[in-house]
Every structure is written in C-alpha cells, then in structure tokens.
Amino acid sequence: MSRRQANPPASQASRATASSSQRQSQQRGGQVPQAGTSGGDDPGDGNDADSDDEDDSSEDDEDDEDDEDDAGQFRVNVINQIMTVFDPDGVLSPREFAQDNANANQATMHTKRLADTIRRLVRTDDDLELLRRTIPVGTGFWAAQLYMNMKRRYRGIYEQLQANIRNVAQGEGVVRTIDHLRALFQAVDMIRADHFATMTPAERRPFVALLIEVLDATLLLDNDLYAGVPRAAYVGEGYQSERRLFSAFISERGQPLAFLGVVSRFGGAMLREFAARIEAMAVRSNGYSGRVPQDSPNRAQFERVVSYFRLLAQHARTAP
C-alpha cells in the first residue's frame, strides 16, 4: 500500500512539465541540447567520444524514465485527492482513499474505479491543469466536502455504538468505538499535515472543532452505557472499560495520548478559541479520579491524561 504524501511537492510537477516539453520537441524533429554540450566535434579520439555519448544517452534515458514516473505519480495523486470528496459515502482522508482497501464499501470502490478511468483520460499536463482549476485541491468546495467526510465518519461511528447499546449483537461496542475514533483523529491529522497550508483559517477551524467535540461529547462520557444489560467488564479490572467510554479511552488499548497528541499538533493559535472548553475537560476528567482505583492498571494513564488536558488548556490560553 502506498502512503506517499497526498500533496506532492511542486518540484515534481515542474520536472514532469519539463520532461513533457522535451519529448514534444523531440517528436517535432528537433533535439533539445543537453547542458554542457556544444554540438561540435570533439577533437579527441573518436571511439572515446562515441563511448561517452552512449553513456550520456543512457543517463538521459534513465532521467526521462524518472521524470515520467514522477509525472505519472503526480497525476495519480491529484486525481485521487479530487475524487476523495466525490465518494457518495465518503469517510476517508485523501491518503486513505489512495490506499488499496479491499474492505472499502461498494460506493467507495466505484469512486476509486472512476478515479482510475479519469487518470487514463488525463493524458497531458494541460488536461491535468484544467482538472485542477475546476476543482482546486486544498481549499474552497474541496476543503468543505472533506470536512463533511470526517463529520460523516464520526456520525457513523456514534450510530454504530448506539446500535450496540440497543442490541449487543449489532453495531460496535465501546472498545471498538475507541479504535474507530482514534483512526478518525489520525485521518484528520493527515489532512492537517498535507492540506492545511492551502486552507484558509475558516476552512481549518471545523476540523479542529470536530476533534474537540469528539473529546468533550463522547470520549469523556463516563456513564454506564449498558446499565441493566449483562455485559462482561474488562478482565482483571473493576473499572468497567467495556461499558464506559472514558474508561476505555484511558486504558492501555485506548492510547489516549495518541488522541491528545493529534490535538496538540494543531498549535496554540488554532486552539485558543477552545481554551475554556479544554480547561473544562481537564476539570471534568480529574473529577473521575475517585472512580479509578489506585491499584487500577489505568491509574497512571489516567493521571497522564488529566495532566495533558491541563497542558493543552495552558497552551491554548497563552498562545500569541
């Protein structure tokens, strides 16, 4: 599976364009001179000159192949990025969409096949540029739709949990819900790394707000979701991590610092407007202290989570 950066560097596009121009010139019958050649006869031994020319030609062929590979990969990346937001059931980040995923739903598989067909039709740099002007990646409509993908993903995770609460034979339980939410945070982190540089502050904000909402409204819930329903507690632990979201969140499997680390990477300036809410989450999580026994395997993790919330709140409050 390829996990290349979703936005290839601009240099790849430049190299691809230069390579395309060179090949077009050659097809018209002209020769594009190589750097450092004069076009005249070498006064040295003729055999040596022929050998040098062959070596240079071989290196040029390899460079052309590299340029063609770069151009092809750049084209694939751009088309995948665009098509990510046209998946009717889209819940993926662009990097996830680009991966080979045999478990993708039918709508996503059809969208991926359409992306492959478009790639075959986009034959020139001009074709690709027209596509990029029609749907600019990293801003506008594309950014808004990508946020809707992430919001739809969160809603789907929550609905699966609710289905499990109604009937434990359906949906996804608490522990798997935490796993899915962690994957959601990682997807938003990929979007931050790959596309925030081209988004406006207004386009970035909903992604941050979504993560804060997940933390506050879901991960910090500590009520027994299965009250009155027989369901085994986490083996060896009195604190019921398979019945309560917060207890599953702070467990070893829950990896709570992975969630909070994603939030911290958005930086204090972007978190500033959420400072009061983050501080309230620190107070709220600390209030669960009496429910986590001192001898619980989760005790140390719990204390780290409370400390991290406090640090996040301070970081957000003091951001310039």
Protein backbone atom coordinates (compact mmCIF):
# COMPACT_ATOMS: atom_id res chain seq x y z
CA MET A 1 0.00 0.00 0.00
CA SER A 2 1.33 3.42 -0.90
CA ARG A 3 1.44 6.03 1.77
CA ARG A 4 3.04 8.84 -0.22
CA GLN A 5 2.27 12.37 0.79
CA ALA A 6 -1.13 13.40 -0.52
CA ASN A 7 0.21 16.69 -1.94
CA PRO A 8 3.36 16.00 -3.98
CA PRO A 9 5.94 18.80 -3.93
CA ALA A 10 5.61 21.38 -6.65
CA SER A 11 9.03 20.34 -7.95
CA GLN A 12 7.53 17.07 -9.21
CA ALA A 13 5.06 19.00 -11.35
CA SER A 14 7.88 21.19 -12.71
CA ARG A 15 10.03 18.19 -13.58
CA ALA A 16 7.08 16.45 -15.19
CA THR A 17 6.28 19.54 -17.29
CA ALA A 18 9.90 19.98 -18.34
CA SER A 19 10.14 16.32 -19.36
CA SER A 20 6.92 16.58 -21.37
CA SER A 21 8.19 19.70 -23.21
CA GLN A 22 11.46 17.95 -24.05
CA ARG A 23 9.69 14.92 -25.51
CA GLN A 24 7.32 17.09 -27.55
CA SER A 25 10.26 18.98 -29.06
CA GLN A 26 11.97 15.72 -30.00
CA GLN A 27 8.79 14.42 -31.64
CA ARG A 28 8.69 17.54 -33.86
CA GLY A 29 12.12 16.58 -35.17
CA GLY A 30 14.18 18.95 -33.06
CA GLN A 31 16.75 17.95 -30.45
CA VAL A 32 16.80 19.51 -27.02
CA PRO A 33 20.50 20.17 -26.27
CA GLN A 34 21.82 18.74 -23.02
CA ALA A 35 23.51 21.02 -20.53
CA GLY A 36 27.27 21.29 -21.13
CA THR A 37 27.28 20.21 -24.81
CA SER A 38 28.44 22.47 -27.64
CA GLY A 39 27.10 20.48 -30.58
CA GLY A 40 30.53 20.47 -32.28
CA ASP A 41 33.04 17.63 -32.98
CA ASP A 42 35.26 16.54 -30.13
CA PRO A 43 38.94 16.85 -31.16
CA GLY A 44 39.79 13.75 -29.08
CA ASP A 45 39.73 10.08 -30.06
CA GLY A 46 36.57 9.20 -31.98
CA ASN A 47 35.96 5.90 -30.15
CA ASP A 48 36.16 7.60 -26.77
CA ALA A 49 33.69 10.23 -27.93
CA ASP A 50 31.25 7.56 -29.11
CA SER A 51 31.55 5.77 -25.74
CA ASP A 52 30.95 8.98 -23.81
CA ASP A 53 27.92 9.77 -25.98
CA GLU A 54 26.49 6.32 -25.29
CA ASP A 55 26.98 6.78 -21.54
CA ASP A 56 25.34 10.22 -21.66
CA SER A 57 22.44 8.84 -23.70
CA SER A 58 21.90 6.04 -21.18
CA GLU A 59 21.85 8.50 -18.28
CA ASP A 60 19.44 10.78 -20.17
CA ASP A 61 17.11 7.83 -20.82
CA GLU A 62 17.12 7.00 -17.09
CA ASP A 63 16.37 10.64 -16.23
CA ASP A 64 13.47 10.63 -18.70
CA GLU A 65 12.07 7.47 -17.13
CA ASP A 66 12.32 9.02 -13.66
CA ASP A 67 10.56 12.15 -14.90
CA GLU A 68 7.81 10.06 -16.47
CA ASP A 69 7.38 8.15 -13.21
CA ASP A 70 7.17 11.42 -11.26
CA ALA A 71 4.66 12.87 -13.72
CA GLY A 72 2.53 9.75 -13.57
CA GLN A 73 2.53 9.61 -9.77
CA PHE A 74 1.76 13.31 -9.51
CA ARG A 75 -1.22 12.84 -11.82
CA VAL A 76 -2.47 9.87 -9.79
CA ASN A 77 -2.13 11.81 -6.52
CA VAL A 78 -4.02 14.86 -7.80
CA ILE A 79 -6.88 12.80 -9.23
CA ASN A 80 -7.18 10.74 -6.04
CA GLN A 81 -7.27 13.91 -3.95
CA ILE A 82 -10.05 15.37 -6.09
CA MET A 83 -12.11 12.19 -6.18
CA THR A 84 -11.91 11.70 -2.40
CA VAL A 85 -14.61 14.31 -1.89
CA PHE A 86 -16.90 12.86 -4.57
CA ASP A 87 -17.27 9.49 -2.84
CA PRO A 88 -21.03 9.45 -2.02
CA ASP A 89 -20.38 7.58 1.23
CA GLY A 90 -17.03 9.27 1.78
CA VAL A 91 -15.48 8.91 5.21
CA LEU A 92 -11.82 8.86 4.15
CA SER A 93 -8.91 11.27 4.10
CA PRO A 94 -7.15 11.62 0.71
CA ARG A 95 -4.27 9.41 1.86
CA GLU A 96 -6.69 6.70 2.96
CA PHE A 97 -8.63 6.94 -0.31
CA ALA A 98 -5.41 6.39 -2.27
CA GLN A 99 -4.67 3.13 -0.47
CA ASP A 100 -5.72 -0.27 -1.78
CA ASN A 101 -8.51 -1.20 0.61
CA ALA A 102 -10.31 -4.45 -0.03
CA ASN A 103 -12.74 -3.61 2.82
CA ALA A 104 -13.96 -0.36 1.23
CA ASN A 105 -17.72 -0.16 0.70
CA GLN A 106 -19.23 -0.50 -2.77
CA ALA A 107 -19.69 3.23 -3.33
CA THR A 108 -16.05 3.91 -2.48
CA MET A 109 -14.85 1.12 -4.79
CA HIS A 110 -16.89 2.61 -7.66
CA THR A 111 -15.41 6.04 -6.93
CA LYS A 112 -11.89 4.60 -6.98
CA ARG A 113 -12.59 2.92 -10.34
CA LEU A 114 -13.88 6.23 -11.69
CA ALA A 115 -10.68 7.92 -10.48
CA ASP A 116 -8.64 5.32 -12.36
CA THR A 117 -10.67 5.92 -15.52
CA ILE A 118 -10.15 9.68 -15.27
CA ARG A 119 -6.41 9.10 -14.83
CA ARG A 120 -6.35 7.22 -18.14
CA LEU A 121 -8.19 10.07 -19.88
CA VAL A 122 -5.94 12.80 -18.47
CA ARG A 123 -3.02 12.41 -20.89
CA THR A 124 -1.29 15.79 -20.86
CA ASP A 125 -0.24 18.45 -18.40
CA ASP A 126 -2.89 20.75 -19.90
CA ASP A 127 -5.59 18.15 -19.20
CA LEU A 128 -4.44 17.87 -15.60
CA GLU A 129 -4.25 21.63 -15.14
CA LEU A 130 -7.83 22.01 -16.42
CA LEU A 131 -8.97 19.45 -13.86
CA ARG A 132 -7.09 21.22 -11.06
CA ARG A 133 -8.62 24.59 -11.98
CA THR A 134 -12.10 23.06 -12.00
CA ILE A 135 -11.74 21.51 -8.51
CA PRO A 136 -8.85 23.21 -6.65
CA VAL A 137 -7.43 20.82 -4.07
CA GLY A 138 -6.87 22.18 -0.58
CA THR A 139 -9.43 24.96 -0.48
CA GLY A 140 -12.98 26.06 -1.29
CA PHE A 141 -15.53 23.39 -2.19
CA TRP A 142 -12.94 20.61 -1.83
CA ALA A 143 -12.00 21.58 1.74
CA ALA A 144 -15.64 21.90 2.80
CA GLN A 145 -16.52 18.49 1.37
CA LEU A 146 -13.51 16.87 3.01
CA TYR A 147 -14.68 18.18 6.36
CA MET A 148 -18.11 16.66 5.65
CA ASN A 149 -16.36 13.31 5.08
CA MET A 150 -14.85 13.49 8.56
CA LYS A 151 -18.13 14.61 10.14
CA ARG A 152 -19.98 11.76 8.39
CA ARG A 153 -17.36 9.35 9.70
CA TYR A 154 -17.88 10.50 13.29
CA ARG A 155 -21.66 10.24 12.94
CA GLY A 156 -21.34 6.70 11.58
CA ILE A 157 -19.12 5.63 14.49
CA TYR A 158 -21.58 7.06 17.01
CA GLU A 159 -24.53 5.37 15.28
CA GLN A 160 -22.78 2.00 15.39
CA LEU A 161 -22.23 2.43 19.13
CA GLN A 162 -25.89 3.30 19.67
CA ALA A 163 -26.92 0.20 17.71
CA ASN A 164 -24.74 -1.93 20.00
CA ILE A 165 -26.28 -0.37 23.11
CA ARG A 166 -29.74 -1.31 21.84
CA ASN A 167 -28.62 -4.81 20.87
CA VAL A 168 -25.18 -6.12 21.81
CA ALA A 169 -25.24 -8.45 18.80
CA GLN A 170 -25.21 -5.45 16.45
CA GLY A 171 -23.07 -2.40 15.82
CA GLU A 172 -19.77 -1.78 17.57
CA GLY A 173 -19.08 -1.89 21.31
CA VAL A 174 -17.21 0.61 23.45
CA VAL A 175 -13.69 -0.75 22.88
CA ARG A 176 -14.02 -0.89 19.09
CA THR A 177 -15.63 2.56 19.14
CA ILE A 178 -12.45 3.94 20.73
CA ASP A 179 -10.39 2.26 18.00
CA HIS A 180 -12.53 3.85 15.27
CA LEU A 181 -12.36 7.28 16.90
CA ARG A 182 -8.56 7.03 17.12
CA ALA A 183 -8.46 6.27 13.39
CA LEU A 184 -10.65 9.34 12.80
CA PHE A 185 -8.18 11.52 14.73
CA GLN A 186 -5.32 10.08 12.68
CA ALA A 187 -7.19 10.84 9.45
CA VAL A 188 -7.69 14.47 10.49
CA ASP A 189 -4.01 14.62 11.45
CA MET A 190 -3.11 13.53 7.89
CA ILE A 191 -5.32 16.29 6.50
CA ARG A 192 -3.62 18.82 8.77
CA ALA A 193 -0.16 17.72 7.62
CA ASP A 194 -1.00 17.52 3.92
CA HIS A 195 -3.52 20.29 3.24
CA PHE A 196 -3.76 22.90 6.00
CA ALA A 197 -1.08 25.01 4.31
CA THR A 198 -3.50 25.75 1.44
CA MET A 199 -6.64 26.15 3.56
CA THR A 200 -7.88 29.45 4.96
CA PRO A 201 -8.29 29.77 8.75
CA ALA A 202 -12.07 29.48 8.26
CA GLU A 203 -11.59 26.21 6.35
CA ARG A 204 -9.27 24.75 9.02
CA ARG A 205 -11.44 25.58 12.00
CA PRO A 206 -14.18 22.93 11.51
CA PHE A 207 -11.61 20.12 11.61
CA VAL A 208 -10.27 21.32 14.97
CA ALA A 209 -13.80 21.89 16.30
CA LEU A 210 -14.74 18.32 15.32
CA LEU A 211 -11.89 16.83 17.38
CA ILE A 212 -12.79 18.98 20.38
CA GLU A 213 -16.41 17.84 20.03
CA VAL A 214 -15.40 14.17 19.94
CA LEU A 215 -13.29 14.58 23.07
CA ASP A 216 -15.90 16.50 25.02
CA ALA A 217 -19.14 14.86 23.93
CA THR A 218 -18.04 11.25 23.51
CA LEU A 219 -14.66 10.29 24.95
CA LEU A 220 -15.33 11.99 28.29
CA LEU A 221 -18.63 10.20 28.84
CA ASP A 222 -18.27 8.01 31.92
CA ASN A 223 -21.80 6.78 32.45
CA ASP A 224 -22.55 3.07 32.15
CA LEU A 225 -23.89 2.76 28.61
CA TYR A 226 -25.22 -0.74 29.30
CA ALA A 227 -26.93 -0.14 32.63
CA GLY A 228 -29.16 -3.10 33.35
CA VAL A 229 -27.66 -5.11 30.49
CA PRO A 230 -25.42 -8.09 31.40
CA ARG A 231 -22.05 -7.43 29.84
CA ALA A 232 -18.59 -8.56 30.99
CA ALA A 233 -16.25 -5.97 32.46
CA TYR A 234 -12.64 -5.70 31.35
CA VAL A 235 -10.84 -8.84 32.59
CA GLY A 236 -8.96 -8.28 35.84
CA GLU A 237 -10.23 -4.78 36.38
CA GLY A 238 -13.12 -3.49 38.43
CA TYR A 239 -13.34 -0.31 36.39
CA GLN A 240 -15.64 -1.21 33.52
CA SER A 241 -13.81 -0.26 30.33
CA GLU A 242 -16.20 -2.20 28.09
CA ARG A 243 -19.21 -0.31 29.45
CA ARG A 244 -17.89 3.27 29.77
CA LEU A 245 -16.25 5.32 27.04
CA PHE A 246 -13.90 7.26 29.31
CA SER A 247 -12.57 4.14 30.99
CA ALA A 248 -11.92 2.54 27.60
CA PHE A 249 -10.32 5.78 26.42
CA ILE A 250 -7.74 5.83 29.26
CA SER A 251 -6.94 2.11 29.02
CA GLU A 252 -3.71 0.81 27.51
CA ARG A 253 -5.54 -0.24 24.36
CA GLY A 254 -7.29 3.12 24.22
CA GLN A 255 -3.99 5.02 23.74
CA PRO A 256 -5.40 8.35 24.99
CA LEU A 257 -2.15 10.25 24.47
CA ALA A 258 -2.36 9.46 20.76
CA PHE A 259 -5.68 11.37 20.66
CA LEU A 260 -4.35 14.31 22.66
CA GLY A 261 -1.12 14.40 20.67
CA VAL A 262 -3.11 14.95 17.47
CA VAL A 263 -4.94 17.88 19.07
CA SER A 264 -1.69 19.43 20.31
CA ARG A 265 -0.19 19.41 16.81
CA PHE A 266 -2.74 21.97 15.66
CA GLY A 267 -0.90 24.53 17.77
CA GLY A 268 -1.94 27.00 20.41
CA ALA A 269 -3.13 29.65 17.97
CA MET A 270 -5.75 27.32 16.48
CA LEU A 271 -6.75 26.01 19.91
CA ARG A 272 -7.05 29.45 21.51
CA GLU A 273 -10.81 29.82 20.97
CA PHE A 274 -11.31 26.38 22.56
CA ALA A 275 -9.16 27.11 25.64
CA ALA A 276 -12.09 27.37 28.08
CA ARG A 277 -13.63 24.16 26.79
CA ILE A 278 -10.32 22.28 27.04
CA GLU A 279 -9.84 23.56 30.58
CA ALA A 280 -13.34 22.36 31.47
CA MET A 281 -12.42 18.93 30.09
CA ALA A 282 -9.35 18.86 32.33
CA VAL A 283 -11.51 19.59 35.38
CA ARG A 284 -14.13 17.08 34.29
CA SER A 285 -11.64 14.27 33.70
CA ASN A 286 -9.96 14.94 37.04
CA GLY A 287 -13.37 14.56 38.67
CA TYR A 288 -13.35 10.89 37.69
CA SER A 289 -10.35 10.26 39.95
CA GLY A 290 -12.42 8.50 42.60
CA ARG A 291 -13.66 6.01 40.01
CA VAL A 292 -10.16 4.88 39.04
CA PRO A 293 -8.76 2.83 41.95
CA GLN A 294 -5.16 3.47 42.95
CA ASP A 295 -4.32 -0.13 42.12
CA SER A 296 -6.02 0.02 38.72
CA PRO A 297 -3.80 -0.69 35.69
CA ASN A 298 -5.25 2.53 34.27
CA ARG A 299 -4.32 4.78 37.18
CA ALA A 300 -1.02 6.07 35.81
CA GLN A 301 -2.53 6.57 32.39
CA PHE A 302 -5.46 8.44 33.92
CA GLU A 303 -3.13 10.88 35.68
CA ARG A 304 -1.19 11.48 32.46
CA VAL A 305 -4.42 12.24 30.62
CA VAL A 306 -5.51 14.81 33.21
CA SER A 307 -2.07 16.46 33.08
CA TYR A 308 -2.15 16.54 29.28
CA PHE A 309 -5.55 18.24 29.27
CA ARG A 310 -4.17 20.89 31.63
CA LEU A 311 -1.13 21.45 29.42
CA LEU A 312 -3.34 21.76 26.34
CA ALA A 313 -5.52 24.32 28.09
CA GLN A 314 -2.48 26.33 29.16
CA HIS A 315 -1.01 26.13 25.67
CA ALA A 316 -4.25 27.41 24.18
CA ARG A 317 -4.66 30.22 26.74
CA THR A 318 -1.13 31.56 26.32
CA ALA A 319 -0.91 31.29 22.52
CA PRO A 320 0.02 34.59 20.83
